[in-house]
Amino acid sequence: MWRFLQAVWRVAWGLIELAVVLYVLNAIKDRETSLIVSVLGLIYATIRLLALNQGYIFMHVVRELQQRFYELERHWDPQKQQPETDPISQFYRDAYWDAFISRLLVAMVYLICLLNLFSRL
């Protein structure tokens, strides 16, 4: 239930961001101001995507470190088995879907800003 509410909140917040971007870009009538705001929106979306990618890479590093530590433990104790329920793997799957939703919504912001930029040139 908690995961569902978290996903709903992420989608709702992304739609609020989209609505704000659309409202601001539609409210601006001046061509130069619209171009500046569109470029700022593109910079914002780029920074968000970079942060999401950095978090995704960090999750890969943590997962690989966990696997390496497990291999070290297997060298010391050959009878050791990998646990059935792995909290990091579950967290990794959850983070993957969160990042997917966020990337999709940021990509929409990116497209809206690009469309506005090219329509006002």
PDB file of N, CA and C in Angstrom:
ATOM      1  N   MET A   1       0.829  -1.194   0.000  1.00  0.00           N
ATOM      2  CA  MET A   1       0.000   0.000   0.000  1.00  0.00           C
ATOM      3  C   MET A   1       0.874   1.259   0.000  1.00  0.00           C
ATOM      4  N   TRP A   2       1.946   1.217   0.799  1.00  0.00           N
ATOM      5  CA  TRP A   2       2.823   2.373   0.891  1.00  0.00           C
ATOM      6  C   TRP A   2       3.464   2.691  -0.456  1.00  0.00           C
ATOM      7  N   ARG A   3       3.884   1.658  -1.183  1.00  0.00           N
ATOM      8  CA  ARG A   3       4.504   1.849  -2.500  1.00  0.00           C
ATOM      9  C   ARG A   3       3.517   2.488  -3.466  1.00  0.00           C
ATOM     10  N   PHE A   4       2.264   2.054  -3.408  1.00  0.00           N
ATOM     11  CA  PHE A   4       1.244   2.617  -4.288  1.00  0.00           C
ATOM     12  C   PHE A   4       1.030   4.094  -3.990  1.00  0.00           C
ATOM     13  N   LEU A   5       0.937   4.438  -2.713  1.00  0.00           N
ATOM     14  CA  LEU A   5       0.754   5.845  -2.345  1.00  0.00           C
ATOM     15  C   LEU A   5       1.964   6.686  -2.746  1.00  0.00           C
ATOM     16  N   GLN A   6       3.142   6.108  -2.614  1.00  0.00           N
ATOM     17  CA  GLN A   6       4.352   6.831  -3.010  1.00  0.00           C
ATOM     18  C   GLN A   6       4.358   7.081  -4.515  1.00  0.00           C
ATOM     19  N   ALA A   7       3.958   6.094  -5.297  1.00  0.00           N
ATOM     20  CA  ALA A   7       3.909   6.269  -6.749  1.00  0.00           C
ATOM     21  C   ALA A   7       2.838   7.286  -7.138  1.00  0.00           C
ATOM     22  N   VAL A   8       1.691   7.234  -6.472  1.00  0.00           N
ATOM     23  CA  VAL A   8       0.627   8.207  -6.756  1.00  0.00           C
ATOM     24  C   VAL A   8       1.115   9.619  -6.432  1.00  0.00           C
ATOM     25  N   TRP A   9       1.817   9.781  -5.313  1.00  0.00           N
ATOM     26  CA  TRP A   9       2.331  11.094  -4.949  1.00  0.00           C
ATOM     27  C   TRP A   9       3.352  11.578  -5.973  1.00  0.00           C
ATOM     28  N   ARG A  10       4.222  10.697  -6.432  1.00  0.00           N
ATOM     29  CA  ARG A  10       5.234  11.082  -7.413  1.00  0.00           C
ATOM     30  C   ARG A  10       4.578  11.533  -8.716  1.00  0.00           C
ATOM     31  N   VAL A  11       3.557  10.813  -9.158  1.00  0.00           N
ATOM     32  CA  VAL A  11       2.846  11.188 -10.384  1.00  0.00           C
ATOM     33  C   VAL A  11       2.099  12.505 -10.171  1.00  0.00           C
ATOM     34  N   ALA A  12       1.439  12.656  -9.026  1.00  0.00           N
ATOM     35  CA  ALA A  12       0.698  13.890  -8.752  1.00  0.00           C
ATOM     36  C   ALA A  12       1.634  15.094  -8.713  1.00  0.00           C
ATOM     37  N   TRP A  13       2.782  14.950  -8.062  1.00  0.00           N
ATOM     38  CA  TRP A  13       3.731  16.057  -7.990  1.00  0.00           C
ATOM     39  C   TRP A  13       4.279  16.387  -9.378  1.00  0.00           C
ATOM     40  N   GLY A  14       4.553  15.373 -10.175  1.00  0.00           N
ATOM     41  CA  GLY A  14       5.027  15.610 -11.538  1.00  0.00           C
ATOM     42  C   GLY A  14       3.986  16.324 -12.384  1.00  0.00           C
ATOM     43  N   LEU A  15       2.722  15.962 -12.216  1.00  0.00           N
ATOM     44  CA  LEU A  15       1.658  16.642 -12.962  1.00  0.00           C
ATOM     45  C   LEU A  15       1.492  18.084 -12.499  1.00  0.00           C
ATOM     46  N   ILE A  16       1.698  18.329 -11.209  1.00  0.00           N
ATOM     47  CA  ILE A  16       1.666  19.712 -10.716  1.00  0.00           C
ATOM     48  C   ILE A  16       2.797  20.515 -11.343  1.00  0.00           C
ATOM     49  N   GLU A  17       3.993  19.930 -11.416  1.00  0.00           N
ATOM     50  CA  GLU A  17       5.114  20.610 -12.074  1.00  0.00           C
ATOM     51  C   GLU A  17       4.799  20.912 -13.535  1.00  0.00           C
ATOM     52  N   LEU A  18       4.204  19.933 -14.230  1.00  0.00           N
ATOM     53  CA  LEU A  18       3.822  20.148 -15.624  1.00  0.00           C
ATOM     54  C   LEU A  18       2.795  21.273 -15.753  1.00  0.00           C
ATOM     55  N   ALA A  19       1.836  21.288 -14.859  1.00  0.00           N
ATOM     56  CA  ALA A  19       0.810  22.331 -14.905  1.00  0.00           C
ATOM     57  C   ALA A  19       1.422  23.708 -14.666  1.00  0.00           C
ATOM     58  N   VAL A  20       2.354  23.800 -13.729  1.00  0.00           N
ATOM     59  CA  VAL A  20       3.012  25.085 -13.464  1.00  0.00           C
ATOM     60  C   VAL A  20       3.819  25.534 -14.678  1.00  0.00           C
ATOM     61  N   VAL A  21       4.563  24.603 -15.282  1.00  0.00           N
ATOM     62  CA  VAL A  21       5.352  24.954 -16.465  1.00  0.00           C
ATOM     63  C   VAL A  21       4.446  25.421 -17.587  1.00  0.00           C
ATOM     64  N   LEU A  22       3.360  24.699 -17.839  1.00  0.00           N
ATOM     65  CA  LEU A  22       2.436  25.100 -18.896  1.00  0.00           C
ATOM     66  C   LEU A  22       1.800  26.454 -18.608  1.00  0.00           C
ATOM     67  N   TYR A  23       1.401  26.674 -17.359  1.00  0.00           N
ATOM     68  CA  TYR A  23       0.776  27.949 -17.011  1.00  0.00           C
ATOM     69  C   TYR A  23       1.745  29.105 -17.204  1.00  0.00           C
ATOM     70  N   VAL A  24       2.966  28.935 -16.712  1.00  0.00           N
ATOM     71  CA  VAL A  24       3.953  30.019 -16.818  1.00  0.00           C
ATOM     72  C   VAL A  24       4.281  30.307 -18.274  1.00  0.00           C
ATOM     73  N   LEU A  25       4.494  29.265 -19.061  1.00  0.00           N
ATOM     74  CA  LEU A  25       4.854  29.489 -20.462  1.00  0.00           C
ATOM     75  C   LEU A  25       3.696  30.063 -21.267  1.00  0.00           C
ATOM     76  N   ASN A  26       2.468  29.721 -20.925  1.00  0.00           N
ATOM     77  CA  ASN A  26       1.315  30.287 -21.627  1.00  0.00           C
ATOM     78  C   ASN A  26       0.989  31.699 -21.167  1.00  0.00           C
ATOM     79  N   ALA A  27       1.344  32.039 -19.936  1.00  0.00           N
ATOM     80  CA  ALA A  27       1.043  33.379 -19.420  1.00  0.00           C
ATOM     81  C   ALA A  27       2.002  34.432 -19.953  1.00  0.00           C
ATOM     82  N   ILE A  28       3.166  34.025 -20.392  1.00  0.00           N
ATOM     83  CA  ILE A  28       4.158  34.983 -20.886  1.00  0.00           C
ATOM     84  C   ILE A  28       3.824  35.330 -22.330  1.00  0.00           C
ATOM     85  N   LYS A  29       3.627  36.606 -22.596  1.00  0.00           N
ATOM     86  CA  LYS A  29       3.304  37.056 -23.945  1.00  0.00           C
ATOM     87  C   LYS A  29       4.512  37.629 -24.673  1.00  0.00           C
ATOM     88  N   ASP A  30       5.491  38.091 -23.916  1.00  0.00           N
ATOM     89  CA  ASP A  30       6.695  38.678 -24.513  1.00  0.00           C
ATOM     90  C   ASP A  30       7.583  37.577 -25.074  1.00  0.00           C
ATOM     91  N   ARG A  31       8.040  37.733 -26.315  1.00  0.00           N
ATOM     92  CA  ARG A  31       8.819  36.710 -26.996  1.00  0.00           C
ATOM     93  C   ARG A  31      10.150  36.455 -26.306  1.00  0.00           C
ATOM     94  N   GLU A  32      10.878  37.516 -25.960  1.00  0.00           N
ATOM     95  CA  GLU A  32      12.194  37.353 -25.352  1.00  0.00           C
ATOM     96  C   GLU A  32      12.100  36.705 -23.974  1.00  0.00           C
ATOM     97  N   THR A  33      11.135  37.120 -23.192  1.00  0.00           N
ATOM     98  CA  THR A  33      10.950  36.534 -21.869  1.00  0.00           C
ATOM     99  C   THR A  33      10.578  35.055 -21.984  1.00  0.00           C
ATOM    100  N   SER A  34       9.747  34.739 -22.953  1.00  0.00           N
ATOM    101  CA  SER A  34       9.365  33.346 -23.159  1.00  0.00           C
ATOM    102  C   SER A  34      10.567  32.488 -23.541  1.00  0.00           C
ATOM    103  N   LEU A  35      11.449  33.024 -24.370  1.00  0.00           N
ATOM    104  CA  LEU A  35      12.652  32.280 -24.746  1.00  0.00           C
ATOM    105  C   LEU A  35      13.559  32.052 -23.537  1.00  0.00           C
ATOM    106  N   ILE A  36      13.706  33.070 -22.706  1.00  0.00           N
ATOM    107  CA  ILE A  36      14.555  32.946 -21.517  1.00  0.00           C
ATOM    108  C   ILE A  36      13.977  31.919 -20.544  1.00  0.00           C
ATOM    109  N   VAL A  37      12.667  31.963 -20.322  1.00  0.00           N
ATOM    110  CA  VAL A  37      12.031  31.025 -19.403  1.00  0.00           C
ATOM    111  C   VAL A  37      12.101  29.596 -19.959  1.00  0.00           C
ATOM    112  N   SER A  38      11.969  29.455 -21.274  1.00  0.00           N
ATOM    113  CA  SER A  38      12.091  28.117 -21.878  1.00  0.00           C
ATOM    114  C   SER A  38      13.488  27.551 -21.685  1.00  0.00           C
ATOM    115  N   VAL A  39      14.501  28.382 -21.865  1.00  0.00           N
ATOM    116  CA  VAL A  39      15.876  27.924 -21.665  1.00  0.00           C
ATOM    117  C   VAL A  39      16.108  27.576 -20.192  1.00  0.00           C
ATOM    118  N   LEU A  40      15.562  28.376 -19.291  1.00  0.00           N
ATOM    119  CA  LEU A  40      15.682  28.047 -17.866  1.00  0.00           C
ATOM    120  C   LEU A  40      14.977  26.733 -17.539  1.00  0.00           C
ATOM    121  N   GLY A  41      13.839  26.473 -18.172  1.00  0.00           N
ATOM    122  CA  GLY A  41      13.151  25.201 -17.988  1.00  0.00           C
ATOM    123  C   GLY A  41      13.977  24.030 -18.498  1.00  0.00           C
ATOM    124  N   LEU A  42      14.665  24.229 -19.614  1.00  0.00           N
ATOM    125  CA  LEU A  42      15.541  23.183 -20.142  1.00  0.00           C
ATOM    126  C   LEU A  42      16.717  22.923 -19.206  1.00  0.00           C
ATOM    127  N   ILE A  43      17.261  23.983 -18.640  1.00  0.00           N
ATOM    128  CA  ILE A  43      18.361  23.824 -17.682  1.00  0.00           C
ATOM    129  C   ILE A  43      17.870  23.072 -16.440  1.00  0.00           C
ATOM    130  N   TYR A  44      16.684  23.438 -15.960  1.00  0.00           N
ATOM    131  CA  TYR A  44      16.086  22.753 -14.806  1.00  0.00           C
ATOM    132  C   TYR A  44      15.910  21.266 -15.094  1.00  0.00           C
ATOM    133  N   ALA A  45      15.341  20.936 -16.258  1.00  0.00           N
ATOM    134  CA  ALA A  45      15.104  19.530 -16.603  1.00  0.00           C
ATOM    135  C   ALA A  45      16.425  18.776 -16.746  1.00  0.00           C
ATOM    136  N   THR A  46      17.433  19.428 -17.293  1.00  0.00           N
ATOM    137  CA  THR A  46      18.736  18.780 -17.443  1.00  0.00           C
ATOM    138  C   THR A  46      19.350  18.474 -16.086  1.00  0.00           C
ATOM    139  N   ILE A  47      19.274  19.410 -15.176  1.00  0.00           N
ATOM    140  CA  ILE A  47      19.825  19.191 -13.831  1.00  0.00           C
ATOM    141  C   ILE A  47      19.077  18.059 -13.126  1.00  0.00           C
ATOM    142  N   ARG A  48      17.749  18.039 -13.257  1.00  0.00           N
ATOM    143  CA  ARG A  48      16.968  16.952 -12.646  1.00  0.00           C
ATOM    144  C   ARG A  48      17.345  15.599 -13.227  1.00  0.00           C
ATOM    145  N   LEU A  49      17.509  15.536 -14.562  1.00  0.00           N
ATOM    146  CA  LEU A  49      17.882  14.258 -15.183  1.00  0.00           C
ATOM    147  C   LEU A  49      19.280  13.822 -14.768  1.00  0.00           C
ATOM    148  N   LEU A  50      20.196  14.770 -14.642  1.00  0.00           N
ATOM    149  CA  LEU A  50      21.541  14.429 -14.181  1.00  0.00           C
ATOM    150  C   LEU A  50      21.502  13.876 -12.757  1.00  0.00           C
ATOM    151  N   ALA A  51      20.695  14.484 -11.897  1.00  0.00           N
ATOM    152  CA  ALA A  51      20.576  14.000 -10.524  1.00  0.00           C
ATOM    153  C   ALA A  51      19.954  12.604 -10.480  1.00  0.00           C
ATOM    154  N   LEU A  52      18.945  12.358 -11.304  1.00  0.00           N
ATOM    155  CA  LEU A  52      18.335  11.035 -11.349  1.00  0.00           C
ATOM    156  C   LEU A  52      19.325   9.988 -11.854  1.00  0.00           C
ATOM    157  N   ASN A  53      20.096  10.337 -12.863  1.00  0.00           N
ATOM    158  CA  ASN A  53      21.100   9.402 -13.373  1.00  0.00           C
ATOM    159  C   ASN A  53      22.191   9.134 -12.354  1.00  0.00           C
ATOM    160  N   GLN A  54      22.584  10.156 -11.622  1.00  0.00           N
ATOM    161  CA  GLN A  54      23.603   9.972 -10.593  1.00  0.00           C
ATOM    162  C   GLN A  54      23.090   9.036  -9.492  1.00  0.00           C
ATOM    163  N   GLY A  55      21.853   9.188  -9.094  1.00  0.00           N
ATOM    164  CA  GLY A  55      21.271   8.293  -8.113  1.00  0.00           C
ATOM    165  C   GLY A  55      21.176   6.865  -8.626  1.00  0.00           C
ATOM    166  N   TYR A  56      20.841   6.709  -9.893  1.00  0.00           N
ATOM    167  CA  TYR A  56      20.751   5.379 -10.495  1.00  0.00           C
ATOM    168  C   TYR A  56      22.124   4.712 -10.531  1.00  0.00           C
ATOM    169  N   ILE A  57      23.155   5.471 -10.883  1.00  0.00           N
ATOM    170  CA  ILE A  57      24.523   4.936 -10.900  1.00  0.00           C
ATOM    171  C   ILE A  57      24.949   4.554  -9.491  1.00  0.00           C
ATOM    172  N   PHE A  58      24.602   5.379  -8.506  1.00  0.00           N
ATOM    173  CA  PHE A  58      24.935   5.073  -7.122  1.00  0.00           C
ATOM    174  C   PHE A  58      24.273   3.769  -6.683  1.00  0.00           C
ATOM    175  N   MET A  59      23.035   3.541  -7.111  1.00  0.00           N
ATOM    176  CA  MET A  59      22.353   2.291  -6.771  1.00  0.00           C
ATOM    177  C   MET A  59      23.066   1.093  -7.388  1.00  0.00           C
ATOM    178  N   HIS A  60      23.569   1.247  -8.622  1.00  0.00           N
ATOM    179  CA  HIS A  60      24.337   0.164  -9.239  1.00  0.00           C
ATOM    180  C   HIS A  60      25.616  -0.119  -8.445  1.00  0.00           C
ATOM    181  N   VAL A  61      26.286   0.928  -8.000  1.00  0.00           N
ATOM    182  CA  VAL A  61      27.520   0.754  -7.238  1.00  0.00           C
ATOM    183  C   VAL A  61      27.232   0.026  -5.929  1.00  0.00           C
ATOM    184  N   VAL A  62      26.176   0.411  -5.241  1.00  0.00           N
ATOM    185  CA  VAL A  62      25.820  -0.237  -3.978  1.00  0.00           C
ATOM    186  C   VAL A  62      25.479  -1.710  -4.208  1.00  0.00           C
ATOM    187  N   ARG A  63      24.757  -1.980  -5.270  1.00  0.00           N
ATOM    188  CA  ARG A  63      24.395  -3.369  -5.557  1.00  0.00           C
ATOM    189  C   ARG A  63      25.637  -4.204  -5.873  1.00  0.00           C
ATOM    190  N   GLU A  64      26.564  -3.665  -6.645  1.00  0.00           N
ATOM    191  CA  GLU A  64      27.799  -4.388  -6.963  1.00  0.00           C
ATOM    192  C   GLU A  64      28.665  -4.586  -5.718  1.00  0.00           C
ATOM    193  N   LEU A  65      28.731  -3.577  -4.855  1.00  0.00           N
ATOM    194  CA  LEU A  65      29.484  -3.728  -3.610  1.00  0.00           C
ATOM    195  C   LEU A  65      28.885  -4.821  -2.733  1.00  0.00           C
ATOM    196  N   GLN A  66      27.573  -4.873  -2.680  1.00  0.00           N
ATOM    197  CA  GLN A  66      26.931  -5.922  -1.902  1.00  0.00           C
ATOM    198  C   GLN A  66      27.293  -7.297  -2.465  1.00  0.00           C
ATOM    199  N   GLN A  67      27.295  -7.418  -3.776  1.00  0.00           N
ATOM    200  CA  GLN A  67      27.653  -8.698  -4.392  1.00  0.00           C
ATOM    201  C   GLN A  67      29.106  -9.061  -4.099  1.00  0.00           C
ATOM    202  N   ARG A  68      30.006  -8.090  -4.143  1.00  0.00           N
ATOM    203  CA  ARG A  68      31.427  -8.350  -3.856  1.00  0.00           C
ATOM    204  C   ARG A  68      31.629  -8.761  -2.403  1.00  0.00           C
ATOM    205  N   PHE A  69      30.916  -8.100  -1.486  1.00  0.00           N
ATOM    206  CA  PHE A  69      31.027  -8.478  -0.076  1.00  0.00           C
ATOM    207  C   PHE A  69      30.507  -9.895   0.142  1.00  0.00           C
ATOM    208  N   TYR A  70      29.451 -10.249  -0.557  1.00  0.00           N
ATOM    209  CA  TYR A  70      28.930 -11.611  -0.447  1.00  0.00           C
ATOM    210  C   TYR A  70      29.979 -12.613  -0.957  1.00  0.00           C
ATOM    211  N   GLU A  71      30.648 -12.293  -2.063  1.00  0.00           N
ATOM    212  CA  GLU A  71      31.686 -13.181  -2.587  1.00  0.00           C
ATOM    213  C   GLU A  71      32.853 -13.316  -1.605  1.00  0.00           C
ATOM    214  N   LEU A  72      33.220 -12.231  -0.930  1.00  0.00           N
ATOM    215  CA  LEU A  72      34.263 -12.311   0.100  1.00  0.00           C
ATOM    216  C   LEU A  72      33.836 -13.205   1.253  1.00  0.00           C
ATOM    217  N   GLU A  73      32.596 -13.060   1.676  1.00  0.00           N
ATOM    218  CA  GLU A  73      32.094 -13.911   2.751  1.00  0.00           C
ATOM    219  C   GLU A  73      32.089 -15.376   2.333  1.00  0.00           C
ATOM    220  N   ARG A  74      31.810 -15.647   1.065  1.00  0.00           N
ATOM    221  CA  ARG A  74      31.835 -17.028   0.561  1.00  0.00           C
ATOM    222  C   ARG A  74      33.246 -17.608   0.591  1.00  0.00           C
ATOM    223  N   HIS A  75      34.275 -16.758   0.404  1.00  0.00           N
ATOM    224  CA  HIS A  75      35.653 -17.248   0.494  1.00  0.00           C
ATOM    225  C   HIS A  75      36.002 -17.651   1.926  1.00  0.00           C
ATOM    226  N   TRP A  76      35.498 -16.895   2.905  1.00  0.00           N
ATOM    227  CA  TRP A  76      35.786 -17.214   4.298  1.00  0.00           C
ATOM    228  C   TRP A  76      34.953 -18.389   4.792  1.00  0.00           C
ATOM    229  N   ASP A  77      33.700 -18.432   4.358  1.00  0.00           N
ATOM    230  CA  ASP A  77      32.800 -19.484   4.796  1.00  0.00           C
ATOM    231  C   ASP A  77      32.067 -20.048   3.580  1.00  0.00           C
ATOM    232  N   PRO A  78      32.565 -21.155   3.006  1.00  0.00           N
ATOM    233  CA  PRO A  78      31.931 -21.708   1.787  1.00  0.00           C
ATOM    234  C   PRO A  78      30.493 -22.186   1.994  1.00  0.00           C
ATOM    235  N   GLN A  79      30.088 -22.396   3.240  1.00  0.00           N
ATOM    236  CA  GLN A  79      28.723 -22.859   3.507  1.00  0.00           C
ATOM    237  C   GLN A  79      27.705 -21.720   3.518  1.00  0.00           C
ATOM    238  N   LYS A  80      28.188 -20.497   3.495  1.00  0.00           N
ATOM    239  CA  LYS A  80      27.281 -19.343   3.577  1.00  0.00           C
ATOM    240  C   LYS A  80      26.446 -19.243   2.301  1.00  0.00           C
ATOM    241  N   GLN A  81      25.159 -19.051   2.500  1.00  0.00           N
ATOM    242  CA  GLN A  81      24.234 -18.900   1.379  1.00  0.00           C
ATOM    243  C   GLN A  81      23.755 -17.452   1.297  1.00  0.00           C
ATOM    244  N   GLN A  82      23.480 -17.020   0.083  1.00  0.00           N
ATOM    245  CA  GLN A  82      22.954 -15.672  -0.091  1.00  0.00           C
ATOM    246  C   GLN A  82      21.518 -15.634   0.434  1.00  0.00           C
ATOM    247  N   PRO A  83      21.166 -14.590   1.182  1.00  0.00           N
ATOM    248  CA  PRO A  83      19.816 -14.550   1.766  1.00  0.00           C
ATOM    249  C   PRO A  83      18.735 -14.520   0.682  1.00  0.00           C
ATOM    250  N   GLU A  84      17.611 -15.152   0.995  1.00  0.00           N
ATOM    251  CA  GLU A  84      16.491 -15.207   0.044  1.00  0.00           C
ATOM    252  C   GLU A  84      15.882 -13.819  -0.162  1.00  0.00           C
ATOM    253  N   THR A  85      15.609 -13.136   0.934  1.00  0.00           N
ATOM    254  CA  THR A  85      15.031 -11.799   0.836  1.00  0.00           C
ATOM    255  C   THR A  85      16.158 -10.789   0.992  1.00  0.00           C
ATOM    256  N   ASP A  86      16.363 -10.055  -0.040  1.00  0.00           N
ATOM    257  CA  ASP A  86      17.441  -9.088  -0.053  1.00  0.00           C
ATOM    258  C   ASP A  86      16.836  -7.680  -0.027  1.00  0.00           C
ATOM    259  N   PRO A  87      16.976  -6.948   1.081  1.00  0.00           N
ATOM    260  CA  PRO A  87      16.346  -5.622   1.157  1.00  0.00           C
ATOM    261  C   PRO A  87      16.919  -4.638   0.136  1.00  0.00           C
ATOM    262  N   ILE A  88      18.188  -4.788  -0.219  1.00  0.00           N
ATOM    263  CA  ILE A  88      18.775  -3.866  -1.193  1.00  0.00           C
ATOM    264  C   ILE A  88      18.189  -4.111  -2.580  1.00  0.00           C
ATOM    265  N   SER A  89      17.952  -5.365  -2.934  1.00  0.00           N
ATOM    266  CA  SER A  89      17.343  -5.656  -4.232  1.00  0.00           C
ATOM    267  C   SER A  89      15.924  -5.113  -4.305  1.00  0.00           C
ATOM    268  N   GLN A  90      15.173  -5.246  -3.215  1.00  0.00           N
ATOM    269  CA  GLN A  90      13.822  -4.687  -3.188  1.00  0.00           C
ATOM    270  C   GLN A  90      13.874  -3.168  -3.298  1.00  0.00           C
ATOM    271  N   PHE A  91      14.786  -2.550  -2.570  1.00  0.00           N
ATOM    272  CA  PHE A  91      14.940  -1.102  -2.651  1.00  0.00           C
ATOM    273  C   PHE A  91      15.353  -0.688  -4.055  1.00  0.00           C
ATOM    274  N   TYR A  92      16.206  -1.485  -4.690  1.00  0.00           N
ATOM    275  CA  TYR A  92      16.660  -1.208  -6.048  1.00  0.00           C
ATOM    276  C   TYR A  92      15.498  -1.240  -7.034  1.00  0.00           C
ATOM    277  N   ARG A  93      14.622  -2.244  -6.916  1.00  0.00           N
ATOM    278  CA  ARG A  93      13.448  -2.312  -7.798  1.00  0.00           C
ATOM    279  C   ARG A  93      12.534  -1.121  -7.580  1.00  0.00           C
ATOM    280  N   ASP A  94      12.308  -0.766  -6.310  1.00  0.00           N
ATOM    281  CA  ASP A  94      11.451   0.380  -6.019  1.00  0.00           C
ATOM    282  C   ASP A  94      12.061   1.674  -6.560  1.00  0.00           C
ATOM    283  N   ALA A  95      13.354   1.840  -6.375  1.00  0.00           N
ATOM    284  CA  ALA A  95      14.024   3.047  -6.859  1.00  0.00           C
ATOM    285  C   ALA A  95      14.001   3.099  -8.379  1.00  0.00           C
ATOM    286  N   TYR A  96      14.063   1.945  -9.029  1.00  0.00           N
ATOM    287  CA  TYR A  96      14.007   1.908 -10.492  1.00  0.00           C
ATOM    288  C   TYR A  96      12.684   2.471 -10.990  1.00  0.00           C
ATOM    289  N   TRP A  97      11.576   2.047 -10.390  1.00  0.00           N
ATOM    290  CA  TRP A  97      10.271   2.539 -10.832  1.00  0.00           C
ATOM    291  C   TRP A  97      10.072   4.000 -10.473  1.00  0.00           C
ATOM    292  N   ASP A  98      10.572   4.423  -9.316  1.00  0.00           N
ATOM    293  CA  ASP A  98      10.493   5.839  -8.959  1.00  0.00           C
ATOM    294  C   ASP A  98      11.262   6.692  -9.961  1.00  0.00           C
ATOM    295  N   ALA A  99      12.451   6.236 -10.320  1.00  0.00           N
ATOM    296  CA  ALA A  99      13.262   6.978 -11.286  1.00  0.00           C
ATOM    297  C   ALA A  99      12.602   6.981 -12.656  1.00  0.00           C
ATOM    298  N   PHE A 100      11.956   5.879 -13.033  1.00  0.00           N
ATOM    299  CA  PHE A 100      11.277   5.825 -14.324  1.00  0.00           C
ATOM    300  C   PHE A 100      10.149   6.845 -14.391  1.00  0.00           C
ATOM    301  N   ILE A 101       9.342   6.906 -13.339  1.00  0.00           N
ATOM    302  CA  ILE A 101       8.239   7.878 -13.299  1.00  0.00           C
ATOM    303  C   ILE A 101       8.787   9.300 -13.340  1.00  0.00           C
ATOM    304  N   SER A 102       9.814   9.562 -12.543  1.00  0.00           N
ATOM    305  CA  SER A 102      10.394  10.907 -12.513  1.00  0.00           C
ATOM    306  C   SER A 102      11.004  11.282 -13.850  1.00  0.00           C
ATOM    307  N   ARG A 103      11.709  10.347 -14.478  1.00  0.00           N
ATOM    308  CA  ARG A 103      12.312  10.634 -15.789  1.00  0.00           C
ATOM    309  C   ARG A 103      11.248  10.922 -16.836  1.00  0.00           C
ATOM    310  N   LEU A 104      10.166  10.181 -16.796  1.00  0.00           N
ATOM    311  CA  LEU A 104       9.091  10.395 -17.756  1.00  0.00           C
ATOM    312  C   LEU A 104       8.482  11.784 -17.597  1.00  0.00           C
ATOM    313  N   LEU A 105       8.238  12.194 -16.368  1.00  0.00           N
ATOM    314  CA  LEU A 105       7.634  13.501 -16.138  1.00  0.00           C
ATOM    315  C   LEU A 105       8.609  14.635 -16.445  1.00  0.00           C
ATOM    316  N   VAL A 106       9.887  14.445 -16.134  1.00  0.00           N
ATOM    317  CA  VAL A 106      10.885  15.465 -16.471  1.00  0.00           C
ATOM    318  C   VAL A 106      11.055  15.551 -17.986  1.00  0.00           C
ATOM    319  N   ALA A 107      10.955  14.418 -18.660  1.00  0.00           N
ATOM    320  CA  ALA A 107      11.033  14.438 -20.126  1.00  0.00           C
ATOM    321  C   ALA A 107       9.874  15.226 -20.719  1.00  0.00           C
ATOM    322  N   MET A 108       8.701  15.152 -20.101  1.00  0.00           N
ATOM    323  CA  MET A 108       7.562  15.945 -20.571  1.00  0.00           C
ATOM    324  C   MET A 108       7.827  17.438 -20.386  1.00  0.00           C
ATOM    325  N   VAL A 109       8.413  17.804 -19.243  1.00  0.00           N
ATOM    326  CA  VAL A 109       8.786  19.209 -19.027  1.00  0.00           C
ATOM    327  C   VAL A 109       9.786  19.643 -20.088  1.00  0.00           C
ATOM    328  N   TYR A 110      10.749  18.786 -20.377  1.00  0.00           N
ATOM    329  CA  TYR A 110      11.763  19.065 -21.380  1.00  0.00           C
ATOM    330  C   TYR A 110      11.111  19.308 -22.740  1.00  0.00           C
ATOM    331  N   LEU A 111      10.189  18.428 -23.125  1.00  0.00           N
ATOM    332  CA  LEU A 111       9.519  18.573 -24.416  1.00  0.00           C
ATOM    333  C   LEU A 111       8.667  19.834 -24.490  1.00  0.00           C
ATOM    334  N   ILE A 112       7.977  20.153 -23.413  1.00  0.00           N
ATOM    335  CA  ILE A 112       7.159  21.364 -23.396  1.00  0.00           C
ATOM    336  C   ILE A 112       8.039  22.597 -23.572  1.00  0.00           C
ATOM    337  N   CYS A 113       9.164  22.623 -22.858  1.00  0.00           N
ATOM    338  CA  CYS A 113      10.076  23.771 -22.983  1.00  0.00           C
ATOM    339  C   CYS A 113      10.682  23.848 -24.386  1.00  0.00           C
ATOM    340  N   LEU A 114      11.027  22.700 -24.953  1.00  0.00           N
ATOM    341  CA  LEU A 114      11.565  22.703 -26.322  1.00  0.00           C
ATOM    342  C   LEU A 114      10.523  23.179 -27.326  1.00  0.00           C
ATOM    343  N   LEU A 115       9.297  22.704 -27.201  1.00  0.00           N
ATOM    344  CA  LEU A 115       8.246  23.144 -28.113  1.00  0.00           C
ATOM    345  C   LEU A 115       8.000  24.644 -27.997  1.00  0.00           C
ATOM    346  N   ASN A 116       7.984  25.135 -26.784  1.00  0.00           N
ATOM    347  CA  ASN A 116       7.795  26.572 -26.594  1.00  0.00           C
ATOM    348  C   ASN A 116       8.968  27.366 -27.158  1.00  0.00           C
ATOM    349  N   LEU A 117      10.168  26.857 -26.940  1.00  0.00           N
ATOM    350  CA  LEU A 117      11.370  27.547 -27.438  1.00  0.00           C
ATOM    351  C   LEU A 117      11.331  27.641 -28.957  1.00  0.00           C
ATOM    352  N   PHE A 118      11.065  26.537 -29.628  1.00  0.00           N
ATOM    353  CA  PHE A 118      11.085  26.545 -31.083  1.00  0.00           C
ATOM    354  C   PHE A 118       9.869  27.240 -31.696  1.00  0.00           C
ATOM    355  N   SER A 119       8.760  27.262 -30.992  1.00  0.00           N
ATOM    356  CA  SER A 119       7.590  27.972 -31.527  1.00  0.00           C
ATOM    357  C   SER A 119       7.727  29.487 -31.405  1.00  0.00           C
ATOM    358  N   ARG A 120       8.582  29.954 -30.481  1.00  0.00           N
ATOM    359  CA  ARG A 120       8.754  31.395 -30.294  1.00  0.00           C
ATOM    360  C   ARG A 120       9.955  31.954 -31.032  1.00  0.00           C
ATOM    361  N   LEU A 121      10.726  31.111 -31.699  1.00  0.00           N
ATOM    362  CA  LEU A 121      11.893  31.620 -32.428  1.00  0.00           C
ATOM    363  C   LEU A 121      11.503  32.435 -33.627  1.00  0.00           C
TER     364      LEU A 121
END
